[in-house]
Amino acid sequence: QVQLVESGGGLVQAGGSLRLTCAASGTMPSIFTVGWSRQAPGKQRELVASITGGGSTNSADSVKGRFTISRDNAKNTVHLQMNSLKPEDTAVYYCYAGVGPPWYWGQGTQVTVSS
């Protein structure tokens, strides 16, 4: 069983940066794909970025060039570096991990970007 805990969210002005961290309790197999998705009020949850066990990354067009995902298998952590934040990035950000559905999910961390 893998439990995921997100941290690093908060309130930031537009143009600012935040670094989200997802920490896994227990061993997170290195083959797991891990990633971040987000859900804004009144909107569907959407993929933000993911990274496979082999290190291949994928990200939404809306965050390309601004967000970077990385993982540290030795520390069982995944990071999302978010730069040049925009008000439309405001959402609850969720970490997920696994080899495919069903995924393990964290509880989420709120990111609010003020204009």
PDB file of N, CA and C in Angstrom:
ATOM      1  N   GLN A   1       0.850  -1.181   0.000  1.00  0.00           N
ATOM      2  CA  GLN A   1       0.000   0.000   0.000  1.00  0.00           C
ATOM      3  C   GLN A   1       0.890   1.236   0.000  1.00  0.00           C
ATOM      4  N   VAL A   2       0.600   2.159  -0.886  1.00  0.00           N
ATOM      5  CA  VAL A   2       1.357   3.398  -0.987  1.00  0.00           C
ATOM      6  C   VAL A   2       0.447   4.553  -0.592  1.00  0.00           C
ATOM      7  N   GLN A   3       0.919   5.384   0.323  1.00  0.00           N
ATOM      8  CA  GLN A   3       0.190   6.596   0.701  1.00  0.00           C
ATOM      9  C   GLN A   3       0.981   7.800   0.228  1.00  0.00           C
ATOM     10  N   LEU A   4       0.281   8.743  -0.366  1.00  0.00           N
ATOM     11  CA  LEU A   4       0.919   9.920  -0.950  1.00  0.00           C
ATOM     12  C   LEU A   4       0.482  11.170  -0.195  1.00  0.00           C
ATOM     13  N   VAL A   5       1.447  12.019   0.129  1.00  0.00           N
ATOM     14  CA  VAL A   5       1.147  13.261   0.844  1.00  0.00           C
ATOM     15  C   VAL A   5       1.782  14.420   0.086  1.00  0.00           C
ATOM     16  N   GLU A   6       0.947  15.377  -0.311  1.00  0.00           N
ATOM     17  CA  GLU A   6       1.440  16.548  -1.032  1.00  0.00           C
ATOM     18  C   GLU A   6       1.743  17.694  -0.065  1.00  0.00           C
ATOM     19  N   SER A   7       2.684  18.519  -0.462  1.00  0.00           N
ATOM     20  CA  SER A   7       2.997  19.727   0.304  1.00  0.00           C
ATOM     21  C   SER A   7       3.537  20.775  -0.654  1.00  0.00           C
ATOM     22  N   GLY A   8       3.614  22.011  -0.170  1.00  0.00           N
ATOM     23  CA  GLY A   8       4.216  23.077  -0.954  1.00  0.00           C
ATOM     24  C   GLY A   8       3.238  24.037  -1.588  1.00  0.00           C
ATOM     25  N   GLY A   9       1.945  23.759  -1.451  1.00  0.00           N
ATOM     26  CA  GLY A   9       0.971  24.677  -2.013  1.00  0.00           C
ATOM     27  C   GLY A   9       0.902  25.968  -1.212  1.00  0.00           C
ATOM     28  N   GLY A  10       0.156  26.921  -1.730  1.00  0.00           N
ATOM     29  CA  GLY A  10       0.006  28.184  -1.022  1.00  0.00           C
ATOM     30  C   GLY A  10      -0.507  29.264  -1.935  1.00  0.00           C
ATOM     31  N   LEU A  11      -0.375  30.488  -1.456  1.00  0.00           N
ATOM     32  CA  LEU A  11      -0.815  31.664  -2.191  1.00  0.00           C
ATOM     33  C   LEU A  11       0.400  32.374  -2.772  1.00  0.00           C
ATOM     34  N   VAL A  12       0.341  32.683  -4.050  1.00  0.00           N
ATOM     35  CA  VAL A  12       1.463  33.346  -4.711  1.00  0.00           C
ATOM     36  C   VAL A  12       0.906  34.331  -5.736  1.00  0.00           C
ATOM     37  N   GLN A  13       1.653  35.383  -5.988  1.00  0.00           N
ATOM     38  CA  GLN A  13       1.234  36.349  -7.009  1.00  0.00           C
ATOM     39  C   GLN A  13       1.552  35.823  -8.404  1.00  0.00           C
ATOM     40  N   ALA A  14       0.803  36.309  -9.356  1.00  0.00           N
ATOM     41  CA  ALA A  14       1.055  35.938 -10.744  1.00  0.00           C
ATOM     42  C   ALA A  14       2.506  36.243 -11.103  1.00  0.00           C
ATOM     43  N   GLY A  15       3.121  35.310 -11.816  1.00  0.00           N
ATOM     44  CA  GLY A  15       4.531  35.435 -12.165  1.00  0.00           C
ATOM     45  C   GLY A  15       5.464  34.777 -11.178  1.00  0.00           C
ATOM     46  N   GLY A  16       4.939  34.387 -10.037  1.00  0.00           N
ATOM     47  CA  GLY A  16       5.754  33.765  -9.003  1.00  0.00           C
ATOM     48  C   GLY A  16       5.945  32.275  -9.230  1.00  0.00           C
ATOM     49  N   SER A  17       6.586  31.639  -8.257  1.00  0.00           N
ATOM     50  CA  SER A  17       6.920  30.216  -8.352  1.00  0.00           C
ATOM     51  C   SER A  17       6.519  29.487  -7.083  1.00  0.00           C
ATOM     52  N   LEU A  18       6.244  28.225  -7.245  1.00  0.00           N
ATOM     53  CA  LEU A  18       6.023  27.311  -6.129  1.00  0.00           C
ATOM     54  C   LEU A  18       6.624  25.963  -6.502  1.00  0.00           C
ATOM     55  N   ARG A  19       7.017  25.221  -5.496  1.00  0.00           N
ATOM     56  CA  ARG A  19       7.524  23.864  -5.711  1.00  0.00           C
ATOM     57  C   ARG A  19       6.688  22.905  -4.875  1.00  0.00           C
ATOM     58  N   LEU A  20       5.961  22.054  -5.548  1.00  0.00           N
ATOM     59  CA  LEU A  20       5.159  21.053  -4.859  1.00  0.00           C
ATOM     60  C   LEU A  20       5.976  19.773  -4.668  1.00  0.00           C
ATOM     61  N   THR A  21       5.739  19.131  -3.545  1.00  0.00           N
ATOM     62  CA  THR A  21       6.401  17.864  -3.255  1.00  0.00           C
ATOM     63  C   THR A  21       5.348  16.814  -2.935  1.00  0.00           C
ATOM     64  N   CYS A  22       5.546  15.639  -3.460  1.00  0.00           N
ATOM     65  CA  CYS A  22       4.702  14.490  -3.146  1.00  0.00           C
ATOM     66  C   CYS A  22       5.606  13.447  -2.505  1.00  0.00           C
ATOM     67  N   ALA A  23       5.306  13.118  -1.265  1.00  0.00           N
ATOM     68  CA  ALA A  23       6.108  12.134  -0.533  1.00  0.00           C
ATOM     69  C   ALA A  23       5.299  10.858  -0.361  1.00  0.00           C
ATOM     70  N   ALA A  24       5.922   9.744  -0.675  1.00  0.00           N
ATOM     71  CA  ALA A  24       5.258   8.452  -0.545  1.00  0.00           C
ATOM     72  C   ALA A  24       5.708   7.763   0.728  1.00  0.00           C
ATOM     73  N   SER A  25       4.747   7.284   1.501  1.00  0.00           N
ATOM     74  CA  SER A  25       5.085   6.463   2.663  1.00  0.00           C
ATOM     75  C   SER A  25       5.119   5.017   2.205  1.00  0.00           C
ATOM     76  N   GLY A  26       6.055   4.283   2.699  1.00  0.00           N
ATOM     77  CA  GLY A  26       6.258   2.960   2.160  1.00  0.00           C
ATOM     78  C   GLY A  26       7.087   3.071   0.896  1.00  0.00           C
ATOM     79  N   THR A  27       7.461   1.964   0.368  1.00  0.00           N
ATOM     80  CA  THR A  27       8.305   1.976  -0.825  1.00  0.00           C
ATOM     81  C   THR A  27       7.461   2.189  -2.066  1.00  0.00           C
ATOM     82  N   MET A  28       7.852   3.177  -2.844  1.00  0.00           N
ATOM     83  CA  MET A  28       7.174   3.407  -4.110  1.00  0.00           C
ATOM     84  C   MET A  28       8.025   2.790  -5.209  1.00  0.00           C
ATOM     85  N   PRO A  29       7.560   1.726  -5.819  1.00  0.00           N
ATOM     86  CA  PRO A  29       8.373   1.061  -6.849  1.00  0.00           C
ATOM     87  C   PRO A  29       8.835   2.026  -7.926  1.00  0.00           C
ATOM     88  N   SER A  30      10.071   1.873  -8.330  1.00  0.00           N
ATOM     89  CA  SER A  30      10.615   2.787  -9.331  1.00  0.00           C
ATOM     90  C   SER A  30       9.920   2.643 -10.675  1.00  0.00           C
ATOM     91  N   ILE A  31       9.205   1.542 -10.897  1.00  0.00           N
ATOM     92  CA  ILE A  31       8.506   1.370 -12.167  1.00  0.00           C
ATOM     93  C   ILE A  31       7.216   2.174 -12.230  1.00  0.00           C
ATOM     94  N   PHE A  32       6.789   2.680 -11.056  1.00  0.00           N
ATOM     95  CA  PHE A  32       5.546   3.441 -11.036  1.00  0.00           C
ATOM     96  C   PHE A  32       5.662   4.696 -11.898  1.00  0.00           C
ATOM     97  N   THR A  33       4.627   4.982 -12.628  1.00  0.00           N
ATOM     98  CA  THR A  33       4.447   6.317 -13.182  1.00  0.00           C
ATOM     99  C   THR A  33       3.915   7.198 -12.055  1.00  0.00           C
ATOM    100  N   VAL A  34       4.446   8.384 -11.941  1.00  0.00           N
ATOM    101  CA  VAL A  34       3.954   9.327 -10.936  1.00  0.00           C
ATOM    102  C   VAL A  34       3.644  10.642 -11.633  1.00  0.00           C
ATOM    103  N   GLY A  35       2.708  11.362 -11.084  1.00  0.00           N
ATOM    104  CA  GLY A  35       2.342  12.600 -11.751  1.00  0.00           C
ATOM    105  C   GLY A  35       1.482  13.498 -10.888  1.00  0.00           C
ATOM    106  N   TRP A  36       1.113  14.591 -11.495  1.00  0.00           N
ATOM    107  CA  TRP A  36       0.277  15.596 -10.853  1.00  0.00           C
ATOM    108  C   TRP A  36      -0.909  15.907 -11.747  1.00  0.00           C
ATOM    109  N   SER A  37      -2.048  16.031 -11.118  1.00  0.00           N
ATOM    110  CA  SER A  37      -3.203  16.547 -11.823  1.00  0.00           C
ATOM    111  C   SER A  37      -3.789  17.648 -10.968  1.00  0.00           C
ATOM    112  N   ARG A  38      -4.707  18.416 -11.519  1.00  0.00           N
ATOM    113  CA  ARG A  38      -5.295  19.519 -10.771  1.00  0.00           C
ATOM    114  C   ARG A  38      -6.779  19.641 -11.074  1.00  0.00           C
ATOM    115  N   GLN A  39      -7.474  20.247 -10.135  1.00  0.00           N
ATOM    116  CA  GLN A  39      -8.897  20.475 -10.317  1.00  0.00           C
ATOM    117  C   GLN A  39      -9.248  21.856  -9.800  1.00  0.00           C
ATOM    118  N   ALA A  40      -9.714  22.677 -10.704  1.00  0.00           N
ATOM    119  CA  ALA A  40     -10.168  24.016 -10.350  1.00  0.00           C
ATOM    120  C   ALA A  40     -11.657  23.966 -10.040  1.00  0.00           C
ATOM    121  N   PRO A  41     -12.159  24.918  -9.274  1.00  0.00           N
ATOM    122  CA  PRO A  41     -13.591  24.928  -8.936  1.00  0.00           C
ATOM    123  C   PRO A  41     -14.461  24.905 -10.183  1.00  0.00           C
ATOM    124  N   GLY A  42     -15.398  23.969 -10.211  1.00  0.00           N
ATOM    125  CA  GLY A  42     -16.328  23.881 -11.322  1.00  0.00           C
ATOM    126  C   GLY A  42     -15.769  23.258 -12.576  1.00  0.00           C
ATOM    127  N   LYS A  43     -14.541  22.754 -12.499  1.00  0.00           N
ATOM    128  CA  LYS A  43     -13.923  22.157 -13.683  1.00  0.00           C
ATOM    129  C   LYS A  43     -13.549  20.709 -13.420  1.00  0.00           C
ATOM    130  N   GLN A  44     -13.329  19.974 -14.506  1.00  0.00           N
ATOM    131  CA  GLN A  44     -12.901  18.589 -14.364  1.00  0.00           C
ATOM    132  C   GLN A  44     -11.423  18.526 -14.003  1.00  0.00           C
ATOM    133  N   ARG A  45     -11.054  17.424 -13.358  1.00  0.00           N
ATOM    134  CA  ARG A  45      -9.650  17.217 -13.037  1.00  0.00           C
ATOM    135  C   ARG A  45      -8.881  17.031 -14.345  1.00  0.00           C
ATOM    136  N   GLU A  46      -7.705  17.634 -14.425  1.00  0.00           N
ATOM    137  CA  GLU A  46      -6.902  17.533 -15.634  1.00  0.00           C
ATOM    138  C   GLU A  46      -5.464  17.165 -15.288  1.00  0.00           C
ATOM    139  N   LEU A  47      -4.826  16.437 -16.223  1.00  0.00           N
ATOM    140  CA  LEU A  47      -3.420  16.082 -16.054  1.00  0.00           C
ATOM    141  C   LEU A  47      -2.565  17.331 -16.161  1.00  0.00           C
ATOM    142  N   VAL A  48      -1.595  17.444 -15.263  1.00  0.00           N
ATOM    143  CA  VAL A  48      -0.631  18.535 -15.338  1.00  0.00           C
ATOM    144  C   VAL A  48       0.680  18.023 -15.905  1.00  0.00           C
ATOM    145  N   ALA A  49       1.234  17.001 -15.260  1.00  0.00           N
ATOM    146  CA  ALA A  49       2.496  16.450 -15.720  1.00  0.00           C
ATOM    147  C   ALA A  49       2.680  15.066 -15.120  1.00  0.00           C
ATOM    148  N   SER A  50       3.442  14.230 -15.809  1.00  0.00           N
ATOM    149  CA  SER A  50       3.723  12.897 -15.297  1.00  0.00           C
ATOM    150  C   SER A  50       5.124  12.481 -15.711  1.00  0.00           C
ATOM    151  N   ILE A  51       5.635  11.493 -14.991  1.00  0.00           N
ATOM    152  CA  ILE A  51       6.956  10.963 -15.301  1.00  0.00           C
ATOM    153  C   ILE A  51       6.924   9.468 -15.085  1.00  0.00           C
ATOM    154  N   THR A  52       7.404   8.713 -16.064  1.00  0.00           N
ATOM    155  CA  THR A  52       7.380   7.261 -15.969  1.00  0.00           C
ATOM    156  C   THR A  52       8.571   6.754 -15.164  1.00  0.00           C
ATOM    157  N   GLY A  53       8.566   5.465 -14.907  1.00  0.00           N
ATOM    158  CA  GLY A  53       9.692   4.861 -14.216  1.00  0.00           C
ATOM    159  C   GLY A  53      10.994   5.012 -14.998  1.00  0.00           C
ATOM    160  N   GLY A  54      10.883   5.080 -16.314  1.00  0.00           N
ATOM    161  CA  GLY A  54      12.061   5.249 -17.148  1.00  0.00           C
ATOM    162  C   GLY A  54      12.498   6.684 -17.315  1.00  0.00           C
ATOM    163  N   GLY A  55      11.717   7.607 -16.747  1.00  0.00           N
ATOM    164  CA  GLY A  55      12.098   9.015 -16.784  1.00  0.00           C
ATOM    165  C   GLY A  55      11.453   9.825 -17.892  1.00  0.00           C
ATOM    166  N   SER A  56      10.581   9.209 -18.675  1.00  0.00           N
ATOM    167  CA  SER A  56       9.904   9.969 -19.732  1.00  0.00           C
ATOM    168  C   SER A  56       8.843  10.865 -19.109  1.00  0.00           C
ATOM    169  N   THR A  57       8.787  12.089 -19.575  1.00  0.00           N
ATOM    170  CA  THR A  57       7.840  13.044 -19.005  1.00  0.00           C
ATOM    171  C   THR A  57       6.771  13.443 -20.018  1.00  0.00           C
ATOM    172  N   ASN A  58       5.674  13.864 -19.474  1.00  0.00           N
ATOM    173  CA  ASN A  58       4.562  14.348 -20.282  1.00  0.00           C
ATOM    174  C   ASN A  58       3.933  15.500 -19.515  1.00  0.00           C
ATOM    175  N   SER A  59       3.475  16.508 -20.233  1.00  0.00           N
ATOM    176  CA  SER A  59       2.835  17.617 -19.534  1.00  0.00           C
ATOM    177  C   SER A  59       1.761  18.241 -20.421  1.00  0.00           C
ATOM    178  N   ALA A  60       0.837  18.914 -19.759  1.00  0.00           N
ATOM    179  CA  ALA A  60      -0.234  19.583 -20.490  1.00  0.00           C
ATOM    180  C   ALA A  60       0.337  20.769 -21.263  1.00  0.00           C
ATOM    181  N   ASP A  61      -0.282  21.050 -22.404  1.00  0.00           N
ATOM    182  CA  ASP A  61       0.188  22.175 -23.215  1.00  0.00           C
ATOM    183  C   ASP A  61       0.158  23.478 -22.419  1.00  0.00           C
ATOM    184  N   SER A  62      -0.812  23.593 -21.521  1.00  0.00           N
ATOM    185  CA  SER A  62      -0.981  24.840 -20.772  1.00  0.00           C
ATOM    186  C   SER A  62       0.154  25.118 -19.794  1.00  0.00           C
ATOM    187  N   VAL A  63       0.953  24.105 -19.484  1.00  0.00           N
ATOM    188  CA  VAL A  63       2.041  24.309 -18.512  1.00  0.00           C
ATOM    189  C   VAL A  63       3.414  24.085 -19.112  1.00  0.00           C
ATOM    190  N   LYS A  64       3.471  23.670 -20.376  1.00  0.00           N
ATOM    191  CA  LYS A  64       4.775  23.421 -21.013  1.00  0.00           C
ATOM    192  C   LYS A  64       5.625  24.685 -20.965  1.00  0.00           C
ATOM    193  N   GLY A  65       6.883  24.482 -20.609  1.00  0.00           N
ATOM    194  CA  GLY A  65       7.807  25.605 -20.520  1.00  0.00           C
ATOM    195  C   GLY A  65       7.750  26.335 -19.193  1.00  0.00           C
ATOM    196  N   ARG A  66       6.760  26.025 -18.369  1.00  0.00           N
ATOM    197  CA  ARG A  66       6.632  26.687 -17.060  1.00  0.00           C
ATOM    198  C   ARG A  66       6.765  25.706 -15.895  1.00  0.00           C
ATOM    199  N   PHE A  67       6.242  24.508 -16.047  1.00  0.00           N
ATOM    200  CA  PHE A  67       6.256  23.501 -14.989  1.00  0.00           C
ATOM    201  C   PHE A  67       7.242  22.385 -15.345  1.00  0.00           C
ATOM    202  N   THR A  68       7.928  21.883 -14.334  1.00  0.00           N
ATOM    203  CA  THR A  68       8.864  20.774 -14.523  1.00  0.00           C
ATOM    204  C   THR A  68       8.621  19.727 -13.453  1.00  0.00           C
ATOM    205  N   ILE A  69       8.465  18.484 -13.895  1.00  0.00           N
ATOM    206  CA  ILE A  69       8.286  17.383 -12.952  1.00  0.00           C
ATOM    207  C   ILE A  69       9.597  16.621 -12.824  1.00  0.00           C
ATOM    208  N   SER A  70       9.871  16.169 -11.609  1.00  0.00           N
ATOM    209  CA  SER A  70      11.074  15.370 -11.373  1.00  0.00           C
ATOM    210  C   SER A  70      10.782  14.383 -10.249  1.00  0.00           C
ATOM    211  N   ARG A  71      11.601  13.350 -10.170  1.00  0.00           N
ATOM    212  CA  ARG A  71      11.402  12.350  -9.125  1.00  0.00           C
ATOM    213  C   ARG A  71      12.736  11.953  -8.522  1.00  0.00           C
ATOM    214  N   ASP A  72      12.683  11.565  -7.267  1.00  0.00           N
ATOM    215  CA  ASP A  72      13.854  11.062  -6.553  1.00  0.00           C
ATOM    216  C   ASP A  72      13.446   9.721  -5.975  1.00  0.00           C
ATOM    217  N   ASN A  73      13.794   8.645  -6.667  1.00  0.00           N
ATOM    218  CA  ASN A  73      13.352   7.321  -6.231  1.00  0.00           C
ATOM    219  C   ASN A  73      13.967   6.933  -4.880  1.00  0.00           C
ATOM    220  N   ALA A  74      15.159   7.390  -4.618  1.00  0.00           N
ATOM    221  CA  ALA A  74      15.812   7.046  -3.343  1.00  0.00           C
ATOM    222  C   ALA A  74      15.058   7.643  -2.162  1.00  0.00           C
ATOM    223  N   LYS A  75      14.430   8.812  -2.384  1.00  0.00           N
ATOM    224  CA  LYS A  75      13.697   9.475  -1.311  1.00  0.00           C
ATOM    225  C   LYS A  75      12.191   9.297  -1.431  1.00  0.00           C
ATOM    226  N   ASN A  76      11.758   8.533  -2.429  1.00  0.00           N
ATOM    227  CA  ASN A  76      10.324   8.313  -2.636  1.00  0.00           C
ATOM    228  C   ASN A  76       9.559   9.638  -2.752  1.00  0.00           C
ATOM    229  N   THR A  77      10.121  10.581  -3.493  1.00  0.00           N
ATOM    230  CA  THR A  77       9.466  11.876  -3.656  1.00  0.00           C
ATOM    231  C   THR A  77       9.358  12.263  -5.130  1.00  0.00           C
ATOM    232  N   VAL A  78       8.375  13.076  -5.384  1.00  0.00           N
ATOM    233  CA  VAL A  78       8.163  13.646  -6.710  1.00  0.00           C
ATOM    234  C   VAL A  78       7.944  15.144  -6.519  1.00  0.00           C
ATOM    235  N   HIS A  79       8.555  15.926  -7.383  1.00  0.00           N
ATOM    236  CA  HIS A  79       8.438  17.371  -7.270  1.00  0.00           C
ATOM    237  C   HIS A  79       7.804  17.951  -8.526  1.00  0.00           C
ATOM    238  N   LEU A  80       7.103  19.038  -8.329  1.00  0.00           N
ATOM    239  CA  LEU A  80       6.582  19.810  -9.458  1.00  0.00           C
ATOM    240  C   LEU A  80       7.030  21.253  -9.256  1.00  0.00           C
ATOM    241  N   GLN A  81       7.991  21.674 -10.056  1.00  0.00           N
ATOM    242  CA  GLN A  81       8.451  23.056  -9.998  1.00  0.00           C
ATOM    243  C   GLN A  81       7.565  23.876 -10.921  1.00  0.00           C
ATOM    244  N   MET A  82       6.915  24.874 -10.352  1.00  0.00           N
ATOM    245  CA  MET A  82       5.976  25.694 -11.115  1.00  0.00           C
ATOM    246  C   MET A  82       6.476  27.127 -11.162  1.00  0.00           C
ATOM    247  N   ASN A  83       6.794  27.565 -12.341  1.00  0.00           N
ATOM    248  CA  ASN A  83       7.281  28.936 -12.537  1.00  0.00           C
ATOM    249  C   ASN A  83       6.290  29.732 -13.383  1.00  0.00           C
ATOM    250  N   SER A  84       6.446  31.038 -13.349  1.00  0.00           N
ATOM    251  CA  SER A  84       5.589  31.932 -14.150  1.00  0.00           C
ATOM    252  C   SER A  84       4.113  31.596 -13.957  1.00  0.00           C
ATOM    253  N   LEU A  85       3.732  31.474 -12.719  1.00  0.00           N
ATOM    254  CA  LEU A  85       2.363  31.064 -12.411  1.00  0.00           C
ATOM    255  C   LEU A  85       1.352  32.107 -12.865  1.00  0.00           C
ATOM    256  N   LYS A  86       0.198  31.600 -13.267  1.00  0.00           N
ATOM    257  CA  LYS A  86      -0.888  32.439 -13.757  1.00  0.00           C
ATOM    258  C   LYS A  86      -2.130  32.203 -12.897  1.00  0.00           C
ATOM    259  N   PRO A  87      -3.034  33.177 -12.856  1.00  0.00           N
ATOM    260  CA  PRO A  87      -4.263  32.970 -12.071  1.00  0.00           C
ATOM    261  C   PRO A  87      -5.025  31.711 -12.484  1.00  0.00           C
ATOM    262  N   GLU A  88      -4.951  31.350 -13.753  1.00  0.00           N
ATOM    263  CA  GLU A  88      -5.646  30.145 -14.214  1.00  0.00           C
ATOM    264  C   GLU A  88      -4.997  28.848 -13.747  1.00  0.00           C
ATOM    265  N   ASP A  89      -3.854  28.943 -13.097  1.00  0.00           N
ATOM    266  CA  ASP A  89      -3.233  27.758 -12.481  1.00  0.00           C
ATOM    267  C   ASP A  89      -3.830  27.464 -11.104  1.00  0.00           C
ATOM    268  N   THR A  90      -4.687  28.346 -10.629  1.00  0.00           N
ATOM    269  CA  THR A  90      -5.317  28.141  -9.328  1.00  0.00           C
ATOM    270  C   THR A  90      -6.154  26.870  -9.342  1.00  0.00           C
ATOM    271  N   ALA A  91      -5.871  25.979  -8.404  1.00  0.00           N
ATOM    272  CA  ALA A  91      -6.555  24.684  -8.343  1.00  0.00           C
ATOM    273  C   ALA A  91      -6.047  23.915  -7.133  1.00  0.00           C
ATOM    274  N   VAL A  92      -6.708  22.807  -6.867  1.00  0.00           N
ATOM    275  CA  VAL A  92      -6.146  21.829  -5.934  1.00  0.00           C
ATOM    276  C   VAL A  92      -5.312  20.866  -6.775  1.00  0.00           C
ATOM    277  N   TYR A  93      -4.077  20.677  -6.350  1.00  0.00           N
ATOM    278  CA  TYR A  93      -3.138  19.817  -7.077  1.00  0.00           C
ATOM    279  C   TYR A  93      -3.013  18.480  -6.350  1.00  0.00           C
ATOM    280  N   TYR A  94      -3.185  17.425  -7.124  1.00  0.00           N
ATOM    281  CA  TYR A  94      -3.147  16.074  -6.580  1.00  0.00           C
ATOM    282  C   TYR A  94      -1.979  15.297  -7.169  1.00  0.00           C
ATOM    283  N   CYS A  95      -1.322  14.558  -6.330  1.00  0.00           N
ATOM    284  CA  CYS A  95      -0.278  13.647  -6.754  1.00  0.00           C
ATOM    285  C   CYS A  95      -0.897  12.269  -6.954  1.00  0.00           C
ATOM    286  N   TYR A  96      -0.418  11.535  -7.950  1.00  0.00           N
ATOM    287  CA  TYR A  96      -0.889  10.168  -8.152  1.00  0.00           C
ATOM    288  C   TYR A  96       0.293   9.278  -8.555  1.00  0.00           C
ATOM    289  N   ALA A  97       0.126   7.985  -8.358  1.00  0.00           N
ATOM    290  CA  ALA A  97       1.209   7.053  -8.673  1.00  0.00           C
ATOM    291  C   ALA A  97       0.638   5.670  -8.932  1.00  0.00           C
ATOM    292  N   GLY A  98       1.367   4.906  -9.700  1.00  0.00           N
ATOM    293  CA  GLY A  98       0.958   3.531  -9.961  1.00  0.00           C
ATOM    294  C   GLY A  98       1.417   3.063 -11.322  1.00  0.00           C
ATOM    295  N   VAL A  99       0.907   1.893 -11.715  1.00  0.00           N
ATOM    296  CA  VAL A  99       1.230   1.352 -13.034  1.00  0.00           C
ATOM    297  C   VAL A  99       0.058   1.551 -13.988  1.00  0.00           C
ATOM    298  N   GLY A 100      -1.009   2.086 -13.491  1.00  0.00           N
ATOM    299  CA  GLY A 100      -2.184   2.335 -14.315  1.00  0.00           C
ATOM    300  C   GLY A 100      -3.395   2.337 -13.431  1.00  0.00           C
ATOM    301  N   PRO A 101      -4.556   2.669 -13.984  1.00  0.00           N
ATOM    302  CA  PRO A 101      -5.754   2.679 -13.137  1.00  0.00           C
ATOM    303  C   PRO A 101      -5.977   1.315 -12.477  1.00  0.00           C
ATOM    304  N   PRO A 102      -6.438   1.261 -11.236  1.00  0.00           N
ATOM    305  CA  PRO A 102      -6.625   2.429 -10.371  1.00  0.00           C
ATOM    306  C   PRO A 102      -5.297   2.960  -9.848  1.00  0.00           C
ATOM    307  N   TRP A 103      -5.204   4.297  -9.732  1.00  0.00           N
ATOM    308  CA  TRP A 103      -4.006   4.950  -9.245  1.00  0.00           C
ATOM    309  C   TRP A 103      -4.104   5.146  -7.733  1.00  0.00           C
ATOM    310  N   TYR A 104      -2.943   5.288  -7.110  1.00  0.00           N
ATOM    311  CA  TYR A 104      -2.900   5.804  -5.742  1.00  0.00           C
ATOM    312  C   TYR A 104      -2.984   7.337  -5.854  1.00  0.00           C
ATOM    313  N   TRP A 105      -3.750   7.967  -4.941  1.00  0.00           N
ATOM    314  CA  TRP A 105      -3.920   9.406  -4.966  1.00  0.00           C
ATOM    315  C   TRP A 105      -3.594  10.017  -3.617  1.00  0.00           C
ATOM    316  N   GLY A 106      -3.055  11.226  -3.649  1.00  0.00           N
ATOM    317  CA  GLY A 106      -2.894  11.997  -2.433  1.00  0.00           C
ATOM    318  C   GLY A 106      -4.156  12.791  -2.153  1.00  0.00           C
ATOM    319  N   GLN A 107      -4.133  13.544  -1.057  1.00  0.00           N
ATOM    320  CA  GLN A 107      -5.307  14.311  -0.637  1.00  0.00           C
ATOM    321  C   GLN A 107      -5.375  15.679  -1.304  1.00  0.00           C
ATOM    322  N   GLY A 108      -4.294  16.118  -1.894  1.00  0.00           N
ATOM    323  CA  GLY A 108      -4.300  17.390  -2.602  1.00  0.00           C
ATOM    324  C   GLY A 108      -3.720  18.535  -1.795  1.00  0.00           C
ATOM    325  N   THR A 109      -3.215  19.525  -2.516  1.00  0.00           N
ATOM    326  CA  THR A 109      -2.719  20.748  -1.898  1.00  0.00           C
ATOM    327  C   THR A 109      -3.204  21.927  -2.739  1.00  0.00           C
ATOM    328  N   GLN A 110      -3.660  22.967  -2.043  1.00  0.00           N
ATOM    329  CA  GLN A 110      -4.258  24.112  -2.732  1.00  0.00           C
ATOM    330  C   GLN A 110      -3.166  25.050  -3.242  1.00  0.00           C
ATOM    331  N   VAL A 111      -3.307  25.437  -4.497  1.00  0.00           N
ATOM    332  CA  VAL A 111      -2.448  26.471  -5.083  1.00  0.00           C
ATOM    333  C   VAL A 111      -3.358  27.604  -5.533  1.00  0.00           C
ATOM    334  N   THR A 112      -3.078  28.800  -5.035  1.00  0.00           N
ATOM    335  CA  THR A 112      -3.868  29.969  -5.408  1.00  0.00           C
ATOM    336  C   THR A 112      -2.930  31.036  -5.964  1.00  0.00           C
ATOM    337  N   VAL A 113      -3.227  31.485  -7.173  1.00  0.00           N
ATOM    338  CA  VAL A 113      -2.401  32.498  -7.827  1.00  0.00           C
ATOM    339  C   VAL A 113      -3.245  33.762  -7.966  1.00  0.00           C
ATOM    340  N   SER A 114      -2.776  34.824  -7.337  1.00  0.00           N
ATOM    341  CA  SER A 114      -3.514  36.085  -7.384  1.00  0.00           C
ATOM    342  C   SER A 114      -3.004  36.949  -8.532  1.00  0.00           C
ATOM    343  N   SER A 115      -3.911  37.714  -9.090  1.00  0.00           N
ATOM    344  CA  SER A 115      -3.538  38.577 -10.232  1.00  0.00           C
ATOM    345  C   SER A 115      -3.042  39.934  -9.763  1.00  0.00           C
TER     346      SER A 115
END
